[in-house]
Amino acid sequence: MSEKTYKHFICVSCPVGCELEVTMEDGVATQVTGYTCKRGIEYGIDEATDPKRVVTSLVNVKGKQMPCSVRTNQAIPKRLIPDCVEALRGIELTPPVKIGDVVLKDVCGTGANVIATKNFD
């Protein structure tokens, strides 16, 4: 017999902020309740089984005292955030840097790219 557990989240997929309850059976999301749009279903399942986040960080720029802000262009699994930050640790950008320039491709095999969010001449 499988064991049911329940996880509770506030959905952040849209401004409504629905209170979701995700029913889990043997580590699998079997039901999502409390959503008002279809995005809530996907958010609840993802958050219960493999939460993802957009990562923001800073990397050094040659010849500049101020670092360049960067972010992933899509959310990556939360469990890989330390690996992502470690991969960025040794990067030093060479100007010019433009917003949207790819700083690191396919970070940690996620398919996400780390991109610059600031211009440097």
Protein backbone atom coordinates (compact mmCIF):
# COMPACT_ATOMS: atom_id res chain seq x y z
CA MET A 1 0.00 0.00 0.00
CA SER A 2 1.39 3.40 -0.96
CA GLU A 3 1.84 6.20 1.52
CA LYS A 4 0.24 9.56 0.75
CA THR A 5 1.90 12.79 1.76
CA TYR A 6 0.84 16.36 1.11
CA LYS A 7 2.96 19.36 0.20
CA HIS A 8 1.75 22.94 0.35
CA PHE A 9 2.96 25.83 -1.83
CA ILE A 10 2.02 29.33 -2.83
CA CYS A 11 2.09 29.41 -6.62
CA VAL A 12 4.21 32.20 -8.12
CA SER A 13 3.40 31.52 -11.79
CA CYS A 14 1.02 34.48 -11.93
CA PRO A 15 0.00 37.35 -9.62
CA VAL A 16 -2.93 35.47 -8.04
CA GLY A 17 -0.77 33.45 -5.61
CA CYS A 18 -2.95 30.35 -5.31
CA GLU A 19 -2.49 28.09 -2.29
CA LEU A 20 -1.67 24.70 -3.78
CA GLU A 21 -1.79 21.29 -2.19
CA VAL A 22 0.10 18.53 -3.97
CA THR A 23 -0.70 14.92 -3.11
CA MET A 24 2.35 12.66 -3.35
CA GLU A 25 2.30 8.88 -3.53
CA ASP A 26 5.61 7.04 -3.45
CA GLY A 27 7.46 10.20 -4.54
CA VAL A 28 5.12 10.91 -7.47
CA ALA A 29 2.75 13.88 -7.63
CA THR A 30 -0.72 12.39 -8.16
CA GLN A 31 -2.98 15.40 -7.59
CA VAL A 32 -2.79 19.18 -7.42
CA THR A 33 -5.60 21.22 -5.87
CA GLY A 34 -6.12 24.91 -5.19
CA TYR A 35 -5.05 26.29 -8.57
CA THR A 36 -7.08 28.72 -10.64
CA CYS A 37 -5.09 28.41 -13.89
CA LYS A 38 -3.29 25.56 -15.63
CA ARG A 39 0.11 27.04 -14.77
CA GLY A 40 -0.59 26.14 -11.14
CA ILE A 41 -0.73 22.44 -11.96
CA GLU A 42 2.70 22.48 -13.59
CA TYR A 43 4.18 24.69 -10.88
CA GLY A 44 2.85 22.45 -8.10
CA ILE A 45 4.19 19.27 -9.68
CA ASP A 46 7.59 20.83 -10.42
CA GLU A 47 7.92 22.36 -6.97
CA ALA A 48 7.01 19.08 -5.26
CA THR A 49 9.24 16.84 -7.37
CA ASP A 50 12.15 18.90 -8.75
CA PRO A 51 12.04 22.61 -7.85
CA LYS A 52 13.75 25.02 -10.22
CA ARG A 53 15.10 28.55 -9.83
CA VAL A 54 16.68 31.24 -11.96
CA VAL A 55 20.22 31.84 -10.68
CA THR A 56 21.67 35.34 -10.42
CA SER A 57 25.31 36.04 -9.64
CA LEU A 58 28.29 38.27 -10.39
CA VAL A 59 31.42 37.64 -12.45
CA ASN A 60 34.59 39.70 -12.69
CA VAL A 61 35.38 41.88 -15.71
CA LYS A 62 39.02 42.43 -16.76
CA GLY A 63 40.20 45.94 -15.96
CA LYS A 64 37.01 46.87 -14.07
CA GLN A 65 36.48 47.24 -10.33
CA MET A 66 32.76 46.51 -10.58
CA PRO A 67 31.67 42.96 -11.48
CA CYS A 68 29.09 42.13 -14.13
CA SER A 69 25.70 40.82 -13.04
CA VAL A 70 24.61 37.59 -14.73
CA ARG A 71 21.64 35.22 -14.62
CA THR A 72 20.49 31.97 -16.12
CA ASN A 73 18.15 32.45 -19.07
CA GLN A 74 15.81 29.85 -17.61
CA ALA A 75 15.25 28.13 -14.30
CA ILE A 76 17.55 25.25 -13.41
CA PRO A 77 17.04 22.48 -10.85
CA LYS A 78 17.52 23.91 -7.36
CA ARG A 79 19.85 21.04 -6.45
CA LEU A 80 22.32 22.25 -9.14
CA ILE A 81 22.59 25.85 -7.91
CA PRO A 82 25.85 25.26 -5.95
CA ASP A 83 27.40 23.62 -9.04
CA CYS A 84 26.30 26.55 -11.20
CA VAL A 85 27.82 29.08 -8.81
CA GLU A 86 31.04 27.06 -8.69
CA ALA A 87 31.20 26.98 -12.51
CA LEU A 88 30.93 30.79 -12.55
CA ARG A 89 33.64 31.27 -9.93
CA GLY A 90 36.60 31.18 -12.34
CA ILE A 91 35.07 33.21 -15.15
CA GLU A 92 36.48 36.63 -15.99
CA LEU A 93 34.85 38.55 -18.83
CA THR A 94 36.72 40.66 -21.34
CA PRO A 95 35.03 43.90 -22.39
CA PRO A 96 33.04 44.77 -24.35
CA VAL A 97 30.18 42.91 -22.65
CA LYS A 98 26.60 43.50 -23.77
CA ILE A 99 23.34 42.61 -22.06
CA GLY A 100 22.32 39.15 -23.28
CA ASP A 101 25.85 37.98 -24.12
CA VAL A 102 26.28 34.30 -23.20
CA VAL A 103 28.77 34.01 -20.35
CA LEU A 104 28.49 30.23 -19.89
CA LYS A 105 26.65 27.85 -22.24
CA ASP A 106 24.60 24.90 -21.03
CA VAL A 107 25.50 25.40 -17.38
CA CYS A 108 25.79 22.04 -15.57
CA GLY A 109 24.18 20.24 -18.53
CA THR A 110 20.81 21.91 -17.88
CA GLY A 111 20.39 23.50 -21.31
CA ALA A 112 20.32 26.91 -19.63
CA ASN A 113 22.83 29.59 -20.56
CA VAL A 114 24.22 32.16 -18.15
CA ILE A 115 23.86 35.60 -19.71
CA ALA A 116 25.14 39.09 -18.88
CA THR A 117 22.60 41.56 -17.50
CA LYS A 118 24.85 44.64 -17.68
CA ASN A 119 26.86 46.41 -20.38
CA PHE A 120 30.62 47.01 -20.05
CA ASP A 121 32.65 48.92 -22.65
